[in-house]
Amino acid sequence: MYGLGPIELPAYLDRNELATRVSPTEVTYSTTERWAEPLAATFTAVLLQDLCVLLDTNRILPYPWASGERVDYQIEVDVLQFDDDVSGNARLIARWRVKDVRNATYLVAKETNVAKSRAPGDSSARVAALSDALRDLGQDIADALRRLPAPAAPPTSAPRRK
């Protein structure tokens, strides 16, 4: 079983408005474009869905998982940047690690740095470029997970005796 999370986003993204980078150190927020739900929830849900498709499994739990659930590999993600700029370049920078929960060791530690271009001023293209960048992060994580030993199979119930 895989466990996804925690996923940490930078504080500047903890708002409903879409962020646009106007310089390396300055961000502005849209007065008209908003996320449909908190970005942290959307980011996690989309990454979880992408990983399920890429790994052909439904055995991925979002953090925090129930105490009775046994997770073999935990995927921790620290998002450093997830926005676009005035030129139409979407960027996702995320550091992520895969931990073997059984022995509390980190097996993989990487950074994904993705840039996607779009036409400036097009709202739907803006969100699509960010979504494409998130899909690339999922692909990087899935590639790393495929190189690890398969997680343990779920327990099966023993046949009942009469």
N, C-alpha and C. Protein backbone atom coordinates (compact mmCIF):
# COMPACT_ATOMS: atom_id res chain seq x y z
N MET A 1 0.86 -1.18 0.00
CA MET A 1 0.00 0.00 0.00
C MET A 1 0.90 1.24 0.00
N TYR A 2 0.52 2.22 -0.79
CA TYR A 2 1.22 3.50 -0.83
C TYR A 2 0.45 4.52 0.00
N GLY A 3 1.17 5.42 0.64
CA GLY A 3 0.56 6.53 1.36
C GLY A 3 1.07 7.83 0.76
N LEU A 4 0.17 8.69 0.36
CA LEU A 4 0.55 9.97 -0.25
C LEU A 4 0.38 11.09 0.77
N GLY A 5 1.51 11.64 1.19
CA GLY A 5 1.46 12.78 2.08
C GLY A 5 2.38 12.61 3.26
N PRO A 6 2.56 13.66 4.01
CA PRO A 6 1.89 14.94 3.80
C PRO A 6 2.43 15.68 2.58
N ILE A 7 1.58 16.53 2.04
CA ILE A 7 1.95 17.42 0.94
C ILE A 7 1.92 18.83 1.50
N GLU A 8 3.05 19.49 1.46
CA GLU A 8 3.17 20.86 1.99
C GLU A 8 3.25 21.85 0.84
N LEU A 9 2.40 22.87 0.87
CA LEU A 9 2.45 23.95 -0.11
C LEU A 9 2.95 25.21 0.56
N PRO A 10 3.62 26.08 -0.18
CA PRO A 10 4.09 27.33 0.42
C PRO A 10 2.92 28.22 0.83
N ALA A 11 3.16 29.04 1.83
CA ALA A 11 2.10 29.89 2.39
C ALA A 11 1.49 30.82 1.34
N TYR A 12 2.26 31.25 0.36
CA TYR A 12 1.71 32.20 -0.63
C TYR A 12 0.60 31.55 -1.47
N LEU A 13 0.50 30.23 -1.46
CA LEU A 13 -0.56 29.55 -2.21
C LEU A 13 -1.78 29.22 -1.35
N ASP A 14 -1.74 29.58 -0.09
CA ASP A 14 -2.84 29.28 0.82
C ASP A 14 -3.92 30.36 0.73
N ARG A 15 -4.50 30.46 -0.45
CA ARG A 15 -5.59 31.41 -0.71
C ARG A 15 -6.35 30.96 -1.93
N ASN A 16 -7.52 31.50 -2.15
CA ASN A 16 -8.38 31.06 -3.25
C ASN A 16 -7.93 31.59 -4.61
N GLU A 17 -7.32 32.76 -4.65
CA GLU A 17 -6.95 33.39 -5.91
C GLU A 17 -5.73 32.70 -6.54
N LEU A 18 -5.71 32.63 -7.87
CA LEU A 18 -4.56 32.09 -8.58
C LEU A 18 -3.42 33.09 -8.50
N ALA A 19 -2.22 32.57 -8.29
CA ALA A 19 -1.02 33.41 -8.14
C ALA A 19 -0.31 33.54 -9.49
N THR A 20 0.21 34.75 -9.74
CA THR A 20 1.02 35.01 -10.92
C THR A 20 2.33 35.63 -10.46
N ARG A 21 3.43 35.05 -10.92
CA ARG A 21 4.76 35.56 -10.56
C ARG A 21 5.10 36.71 -11.51
N VAL A 22 5.35 37.89 -10.95
CA VAL A 22 5.69 39.05 -11.77
C VAL A 22 7.19 39.34 -11.74
N SER A 23 7.91 38.73 -10.81
CA SER A 23 9.36 38.79 -10.74
C SER A 23 9.81 37.60 -9.91
N PRO A 24 11.10 37.33 -9.86
CA PRO A 24 11.54 36.18 -9.05
C PRO A 24 11.13 36.26 -7.58
N THR A 25 10.87 37.46 -7.10
CA THR A 25 10.53 37.61 -5.68
C THR A 25 9.16 38.22 -5.42
N GLU A 26 8.35 38.40 -6.48
CA GLU A 26 7.05 39.05 -6.29
C GLU A 26 5.94 38.27 -6.98
N VAL A 27 4.83 38.12 -6.25
CA VAL A 27 3.65 37.41 -6.75
C VAL A 27 2.45 38.32 -6.60
N THR A 28 1.57 38.30 -7.62
CA THR A 28 0.30 39.00 -7.51
C THR A 28 -0.81 37.95 -7.59
N TYR A 29 -2.01 38.34 -7.19
CA TYR A 29 -3.13 37.42 -7.16
C TYR A 29 -4.25 37.95 -8.04
N SER A 30 -4.88 37.03 -8.76
CA SER A 30 -5.97 37.38 -9.66
C SER A 30 -7.17 37.90 -8.88
N THR A 31 -7.84 38.89 -9.45
CA THR A 31 -9.07 39.39 -8.84
C THR A 31 -10.29 38.64 -9.38
N THR A 32 -10.08 37.83 -10.44
CA THR A 32 -11.22 37.12 -11.06
C THR A 32 -11.05 35.61 -11.11
N GLU A 33 -9.82 35.09 -11.09
CA GLU A 33 -9.60 33.66 -11.21
C GLU A 33 -9.36 33.06 -9.83
N ARG A 34 -10.18 32.04 -9.51
CA ARG A 34 -10.10 31.40 -8.20
C ARG A 34 -10.11 29.89 -8.36
N TRP A 35 -9.50 29.22 -7.40
CA TRP A 35 -9.59 27.77 -7.34
C TRP A 35 -10.98 27.40 -6.85
N ALA A 36 -11.51 26.28 -7.33
CA ALA A 36 -12.85 25.85 -6.95
C ALA A 36 -12.90 25.39 -5.49
N GLU A 37 -11.78 24.92 -4.97
CA GLU A 37 -11.66 24.50 -3.57
C GLU A 37 -10.24 24.85 -3.13
N PRO A 38 -9.93 24.69 -1.86
CA PRO A 38 -8.56 25.01 -1.43
C PRO A 38 -7.53 24.25 -2.27
N LEU A 39 -6.48 24.94 -2.66
CA LEU A 39 -5.48 24.36 -3.56
C LEU A 39 -4.85 23.12 -2.96
N ALA A 40 -4.60 23.09 -1.67
CA ALA A 40 -3.99 21.92 -1.05
C ALA A 40 -4.83 20.67 -1.28
N ALA A 41 -6.15 20.79 -1.15
CA ALA A 41 -7.04 19.65 -1.37
C ALA A 41 -7.04 19.24 -2.84
N THR A 42 -7.11 20.20 -3.73
CA THR A 42 -7.11 19.92 -5.17
C THR A 42 -5.80 19.28 -5.60
N PHE A 43 -4.70 19.85 -5.16
CA PHE A 43 -3.36 19.35 -5.52
C PHE A 43 -3.24 17.89 -5.11
N THR A 44 -3.62 17.59 -3.87
CA THR A 44 -3.53 16.23 -3.35
C THR A 44 -4.43 15.28 -4.13
N ALA A 45 -5.67 15.67 -4.37
CA ALA A 45 -6.62 14.81 -5.07
C ALA A 45 -6.16 14.50 -6.49
N VAL A 46 -5.66 15.52 -7.20
CA VAL A 46 -5.22 15.32 -8.59
C VAL A 46 -3.97 14.45 -8.62
N LEU A 47 -3.02 14.71 -7.72
CA LEU A 47 -1.80 13.89 -7.69
C LEU A 47 -2.15 12.44 -7.34
N LEU A 48 -3.04 12.22 -6.41
CA LEU A 48 -3.47 10.88 -6.03
C LEU A 48 -4.10 10.17 -7.23
N GLN A 49 -4.98 10.86 -7.93
CA GLN A 49 -5.64 10.28 -9.11
C GLN A 49 -4.62 9.96 -10.19
N ASP A 50 -3.70 10.88 -10.45
CA ASP A 50 -2.66 10.64 -11.46
C ASP A 50 -1.83 9.41 -11.11
N LEU A 51 -1.43 9.30 -9.83
CA LEU A 51 -0.61 8.15 -9.42
C LEU A 51 -1.39 6.84 -9.54
N CYS A 52 -2.66 6.85 -9.20
CA CYS A 52 -3.48 5.64 -9.35
C CYS A 52 -3.51 5.18 -10.80
N VAL A 53 -3.66 6.12 -11.72
CA VAL A 53 -3.69 5.78 -13.16
C VAL A 53 -2.31 5.31 -13.62
N LEU A 54 -1.27 6.06 -13.26
CA LEU A 54 0.08 5.74 -13.73
C LEU A 54 0.58 4.40 -13.19
N LEU A 55 0.18 4.06 -11.97
CA LEU A 55 0.63 2.82 -11.35
C LEU A 55 -0.39 1.69 -11.50
N ASP A 56 -1.53 1.99 -12.11
CA ASP A 56 -2.60 1.03 -12.30
C ASP A 56 -2.98 0.35 -10.97
N THR A 57 -3.27 1.18 -9.99
CA THR A 57 -3.65 0.68 -8.67
C THR A 57 -4.63 1.63 -8.01
N ASN A 58 -5.40 1.09 -7.10
CA ASN A 58 -6.24 1.93 -6.25
C ASN A 58 -5.76 1.82 -4.81
N ARG A 59 -4.55 1.33 -4.63
CA ARG A 59 -3.98 1.11 -3.30
C ARG A 59 -3.08 2.27 -2.89
N ILE A 60 -3.62 3.49 -2.97
CA ILE A 60 -2.91 4.69 -2.53
C ILE A 60 -3.83 5.44 -1.58
N LEU A 61 -3.36 5.68 -0.39
CA LEU A 61 -4.15 6.37 0.62
C LEU A 61 -3.66 7.80 0.79
N PRO A 62 -4.57 8.77 0.90
CA PRO A 62 -4.14 10.14 1.20
C PRO A 62 -3.83 10.28 2.68
N TYR A 63 -2.89 11.14 3.00
CA TYR A 63 -2.49 11.43 4.38
C TYR A 63 -3.54 12.33 5.03
N PRO A 64 -3.88 12.15 6.27
CA PRO A 64 -3.45 11.08 7.18
C PRO A 64 -4.32 9.84 6.97
N TRP A 65 -3.72 8.68 6.99
CA TRP A 65 -4.47 7.45 6.84
C TRP A 65 -4.87 6.93 8.22
N ALA A 66 -5.88 6.10 8.21
CA ALA A 66 -6.41 5.56 9.47
C ALA A 66 -5.36 4.70 10.15
N SER A 67 -5.41 4.65 11.46
CA SER A 67 -4.41 3.91 12.23
C SER A 67 -4.40 2.42 11.89
N GLY A 68 -5.50 1.87 11.42
CA GLY A 68 -5.55 0.47 11.06
C GLY A 68 -4.98 0.16 9.69
N GLU A 69 -4.74 1.17 8.89
CA GLU A 69 -4.21 0.97 7.53
C GLU A 69 -2.70 0.77 7.59
N ARG A 70 -2.22 -0.20 6.83
CA ARG A 70 -0.79 -0.46 6.78
C ARG A 70 -0.22 0.09 5.48
N VAL A 71 0.66 1.06 5.58
CA VAL A 71 1.29 1.67 4.42
C VAL A 71 2.72 1.14 4.33
N ASP A 72 3.11 0.70 3.14
CA ASP A 72 4.48 0.21 2.92
C ASP A 72 5.41 1.36 2.55
N TYR A 73 4.95 2.20 1.60
CA TYR A 73 5.76 3.32 1.12
C TYR A 73 4.99 4.62 1.31
N GLN A 74 5.64 5.59 1.91
CA GLN A 74 5.04 6.91 2.12
C GLN A 74 5.71 7.90 1.17
N ILE A 75 4.89 8.67 0.46
CA ILE A 75 5.38 9.66 -0.50
C ILE A 75 5.14 11.04 0.11
N GLU A 76 6.20 11.72 0.50
CA GLU A 76 6.11 13.06 1.08
C GLU A 76 6.48 14.07 0.01
N VAL A 77 5.72 15.16 -0.08
CA VAL A 77 5.96 16.17 -1.12
C VAL A 77 6.01 17.55 -0.48
N ASP A 78 7.04 18.30 -0.80
CA ASP A 78 7.19 19.68 -0.36
C ASP A 78 7.21 20.56 -1.60
N VAL A 79 6.11 21.24 -1.87
CA VAL A 79 5.99 22.09 -3.05
C VAL A 79 6.65 23.43 -2.75
N LEU A 80 7.58 23.83 -3.59
CA LEU A 80 8.27 25.11 -3.43
C LEU A 80 7.66 26.20 -4.28
N GLN A 81 7.15 25.81 -5.46
CA GLN A 81 6.55 26.79 -6.36
C GLN A 81 5.50 26.09 -7.21
N PHE A 82 4.34 26.75 -7.37
CA PHE A 82 3.27 26.23 -8.23
C PHE A 82 2.47 27.43 -8.69
N ASP A 83 2.91 28.04 -9.79
CA ASP A 83 2.28 29.25 -10.30
C ASP A 83 2.70 29.45 -11.74
N ASP A 84 2.25 30.54 -12.32
CA ASP A 84 2.73 30.89 -13.64
C ASP A 84 3.17 32.34 -13.63
N ASP A 85 3.79 32.77 -14.74
CA ASP A 85 4.26 34.15 -14.79
C ASP A 85 3.52 34.92 -15.87
N VAL A 86 3.80 36.21 -15.97
CA VAL A 86 3.09 37.07 -16.91
C VAL A 86 3.40 36.72 -18.37
N SER A 87 4.47 35.97 -18.62
CA SER A 87 4.82 35.56 -19.98
C SER A 87 4.12 34.29 -20.41
N GLY A 88 3.40 33.65 -19.48
CA GLY A 88 2.68 32.44 -19.82
C GLY A 88 3.43 31.16 -19.52
N ASN A 89 4.37 31.21 -18.60
CA ASN A 89 5.13 30.02 -18.22
C ASN A 89 4.68 29.53 -16.86
N ALA A 90 4.10 28.33 -16.84
CA ALA A 90 3.70 27.71 -15.58
C ALA A 90 4.90 26.94 -15.03
N ARG A 91 5.07 26.96 -13.71
CA ARG A 91 6.20 26.26 -13.10
C ARG A 91 5.76 25.54 -11.84
N LEU A 92 6.26 24.32 -11.72
CA LEU A 92 6.10 23.52 -10.51
C LEU A 92 7.49 23.07 -10.08
N ILE A 93 7.84 23.42 -8.86
CA ILE A 93 9.08 22.92 -8.25
C ILE A 93 8.67 22.22 -6.97
N ALA A 94 9.02 20.94 -6.87
CA ALA A 94 8.65 20.17 -5.69
C ALA A 94 9.78 19.22 -5.32
N ARG A 95 10.07 19.15 -4.03
CA ARG A 95 11.00 18.15 -3.51
C ARG A 95 10.15 17.03 -2.92
N TRP A 96 10.51 15.81 -3.20
CA TRP A 96 9.71 14.69 -2.73
C TRP A 96 10.60 13.52 -2.33
N ARG A 97 10.06 12.74 -1.40
CA ARG A 97 10.80 11.59 -0.89
C ARG A 97 9.86 10.40 -0.75
N VAL A 98 10.44 9.23 -0.93
CA VAL A 98 9.71 7.99 -0.71
C VAL A 98 10.36 7.28 0.47
N LYS A 99 9.54 7.00 1.45
CA LYS A 99 10.01 6.37 2.69
C LYS A 99 9.47 4.95 2.79
N ASP A 100 10.36 4.01 3.11
CA ASP A 100 9.93 2.66 3.43
C ASP A 100 9.48 2.70 4.88
N VAL A 101 8.19 2.65 5.10
CA VAL A 101 7.61 2.81 6.44
C VAL A 101 7.99 1.65 7.35
N ARG A 102 8.18 0.47 6.77
CA ARG A 102 8.47 -0.72 7.57
C ARG A 102 9.77 -0.57 8.35
N ASN A 103 10.78 0.09 7.75
CA ASN A 103 12.04 0.26 8.48
C ASN A 103 12.45 1.72 8.62
N ALA A 104 11.53 2.63 8.33
CA ALA A 104 11.72 4.07 8.53
C ALA A 104 12.97 4.61 7.83
N THR A 105 13.19 4.18 6.59
CA THR A 105 14.32 4.70 5.82
C THR A 105 13.82 5.33 4.53
N TYR A 106 14.50 6.38 4.11
CA TYR A 106 14.16 7.03 2.85
C TYR A 106 14.90 6.33 1.72
N LEU A 107 14.15 5.91 0.72
CA LEU A 107 14.70 5.18 -0.40
C LEU A 107 14.97 6.08 -1.60
N VAL A 108 14.19 7.15 -1.72
CA VAL A 108 14.29 8.07 -2.85
C VAL A 108 14.13 9.49 -2.32
N ALA A 109 14.95 10.40 -2.81
CA ALA A 109 14.79 11.83 -2.52
C ALA A 109 15.14 12.57 -3.80
N LYS A 110 14.16 13.29 -4.36
CA LYS A 110 14.37 13.97 -5.64
C LYS A 110 13.68 15.32 -5.66
N GLU A 111 14.01 16.08 -6.68
CA GLU A 111 13.32 17.34 -6.94
C GLU A 111 12.81 17.31 -8.36
N THR A 112 11.56 17.67 -8.53
CA THR A 112 10.97 17.81 -9.86
C THR A 112 10.82 19.29 -10.13
N ASN A 113 11.34 19.73 -11.28
CA ASN A 113 11.27 21.13 -11.68
C ASN A 113 10.72 21.14 -13.10
N VAL A 114 9.46 21.55 -13.24
CA VAL A 114 8.76 21.47 -14.52
C VAL A 114 8.31 22.86 -14.94
N ALA A 115 8.52 23.18 -16.20
CA ALA A 115 8.01 24.43 -16.77
C ALA A 115 7.14 24.07 -17.98
N LYS A 116 5.99 24.71 -18.07
CA LYS A 116 5.06 24.51 -19.19
C LYS A 116 4.68 25.87 -19.74
N SER A 117 4.69 26.01 -21.07
CA SER A 117 4.33 27.27 -21.70
C SER A 117 2.87 27.26 -22.11
N ARG A 118 2.29 28.45 -22.13
CA ARG A 118 0.90 28.62 -22.55
C ARG A 118 0.77 30.02 -23.14
N ALA A 119 -0.37 30.28 -23.75
CA ALA A 119 -0.63 31.61 -24.27
C ALA A 119 -1.00 32.54 -23.11
N PRO A 120 -0.33 33.68 -22.97
CA PRO A 120 -0.67 34.60 -21.88
C PRO A 120 -2.12 35.07 -21.98
N GLY A 121 -2.78 35.20 -20.83
CA GLY A 121 -4.12 35.75 -20.79
C GLY A 121 -5.24 34.74 -20.95
N ASP A 122 -4.94 33.50 -21.22
CA ASP A 122 -5.97 32.48 -21.41
C ASP A 122 -6.13 31.69 -20.11
N SER A 123 -7.24 31.90 -19.42
CA SER A 123 -7.47 31.29 -18.11
C SER A 123 -7.48 29.77 -18.15
N SER A 124 -8.17 29.19 -19.12
CA SER A 124 -8.25 27.73 -19.17
C SER A 124 -6.89 27.13 -19.52
N ALA A 125 -6.12 27.79 -20.39
CA ALA A 125 -4.78 27.32 -20.71
C ALA A 125 -3.86 27.44 -19.51
N ARG A 126 -4.09 28.45 -18.71
CA ARG A 126 -3.29 28.66 -17.49
C ARG A 126 -3.44 27.48 -16.54
N VAL A 127 -4.67 27.09 -16.26
CA VAL A 127 -4.93 25.97 -15.36
C VAL A 127 -4.47 24.66 -16.00
N ALA A 128 -4.65 24.51 -17.31
CA ALA A 128 -4.21 23.30 -18.00
C ALA A 128 -2.70 23.13 -17.92
N ALA A 129 -1.95 24.23 -18.04
CA ALA A 129 -0.50 24.15 -17.94
C ALA A 129 -0.07 23.73 -16.53
N LEU A 130 -0.74 24.26 -15.51
CA LEU A 130 -0.42 23.85 -14.14
C LEU A 130 -0.78 22.38 -13.93
N SER A 131 -1.89 21.95 -14.49
CA SER A 131 -2.30 20.54 -14.40
C SER A 131 -1.28 19.64 -15.09
N ASP A 132 -0.79 20.06 -16.25
CA ASP A 132 0.23 19.29 -16.96
C ASP A 132 1.51 19.18 -16.12
N ALA A 133 1.88 20.26 -15.46
CA ALA A 133 3.07 20.23 -14.60
C ALA A 133 2.87 19.25 -13.44
N LEU A 134 1.67 19.24 -12.87
CA LEU A 134 1.36 18.32 -11.78
C LEU A 134 1.40 16.87 -12.28
N ARG A 135 0.92 16.64 -13.49
CA ARG A 135 0.98 15.29 -14.08
C ARG A 135 2.43 14.84 -14.24
N ASP A 136 3.32 15.76 -14.62
CA ASP A 136 4.74 15.41 -14.75
C ASP A 136 5.34 15.03 -13.39
N LEU A 137 4.93 15.73 -12.33
CA LEU A 137 5.38 15.35 -10.99
C LEU A 137 4.91 13.92 -10.69
N GLY A 138 3.66 13.63 -10.98
CA GLY A 138 3.14 12.28 -10.77
C GLY A 138 3.93 11.24 -11.55
N GLN A 139 4.30 11.58 -12.78
CA GLN A 139 5.09 10.66 -13.60
C GLN A 139 6.45 10.39 -12.98
N ASP A 140 7.11 11.43 -12.48
CA ASP A 140 8.41 11.26 -11.82
C ASP A 140 8.30 10.34 -10.60
N ILE A 141 7.26 10.58 -9.80
CA ILE A 141 7.07 9.76 -8.60
C ILE A 141 6.74 8.32 -8.99
N ALA A 142 5.85 8.14 -9.96
CA ALA A 142 5.48 6.79 -10.41
C ALA A 142 6.70 6.04 -10.95
N ASP A 143 7.55 6.72 -11.71
CA ASP A 143 8.76 6.08 -12.24
C ASP A 143 9.64 5.57 -11.10
N ALA A 144 9.79 6.38 -10.06
CA ALA A 144 10.61 5.97 -8.91
C ALA A 144 9.97 4.80 -8.16
N LEU A 145 8.65 4.83 -7.99
CA LEU A 145 7.96 3.75 -7.28
C LEU A 145 8.04 2.43 -8.04
N ARG A 146 8.03 2.49 -9.36
CA ARG A 146 8.13 1.26 -10.15
C ARG A 146 9.47 0.56 -9.97
N ARG A 147 10.50 1.31 -9.60
CA ARG A 147 11.83 0.72 -9.40
C ARG A 147 12.00 0.10 -8.02
N LEU A 148 11.02 0.27 -7.15
CA LEU A 148 11.07 -0.30 -5.80
C LEU A 148 10.39 -1.66 -5.79
N PRO A 149 10.72 -2.50 -4.80
CA PRO A 149 9.96 -3.76 -4.68
C PRO A 149 8.48 -3.45 -4.50
N ALA A 150 7.64 -4.29 -5.05
CA ALA A 150 6.19 -4.08 -4.96
C ALA A 150 5.76 -4.06 -3.51
N PRO A 151 4.80 -3.20 -3.17
CA PRO A 151 4.29 -3.21 -1.80
C PRO A 151 3.60 -4.54 -1.50
N ALA A 152 3.48 -4.84 -0.22
CA ALA A 152 2.86 -6.10 0.19
C ALA A 152 1.42 -6.17 -0.31
N ALA A 153 1.00 -7.37 -0.65
CA ALA A 153 -0.38 -7.56 -1.09
C ALA A 153 -1.30 -7.40 0.11
N PRO A 154 -2.53 -6.95 -0.13
CA PRO A 154 -3.45 -6.81 0.99
C PRO A 154 -3.76 -8.18 1.59
N PRO A 155 -3.98 -8.23 2.89
CA PRO A 155 -4.27 -9.53 3.50
C PRO A 155 -5.60 -10.09 2.98
N THR A 156 -5.62 -11.39 2.84
CA THR A 156 -6.86 -12.05 2.43
C THR A 156 -7.41 -12.80 3.64
N SER A 157 -8.69 -12.92 3.67
CA SER A 157 -9.27 -13.63 4.80
C SER A 157 -9.12 -15.12 4.60
N ALA A 158 -8.86 -15.80 5.68
CA ALA A 158 -8.69 -17.26 5.62
C ALA A 158 -10.05 -17.91 5.44
N PRO A 159 -10.09 -19.05 4.75
CA PRO A 159 -11.37 -19.74 4.58
C PRO A 159 -11.92 -20.19 5.93
N ARG A 160 -13.20 -20.13 6.05
CA ARG A 160 -13.84 -20.52 7.31
C ARG A 160 -13.98 -22.03 7.37
N ARG A 161 -13.74 -22.58 8.56
CA ARG A 161 -13.90 -24.02 8.77
C ARG A 161 -15.24 -24.30 9.41
N LYS A 162 -15.78 -25.42 9.05
CA LYS A 162 -17.08 -25.81 9.62
C LYS A 162 -16.90 -26.82 10.72
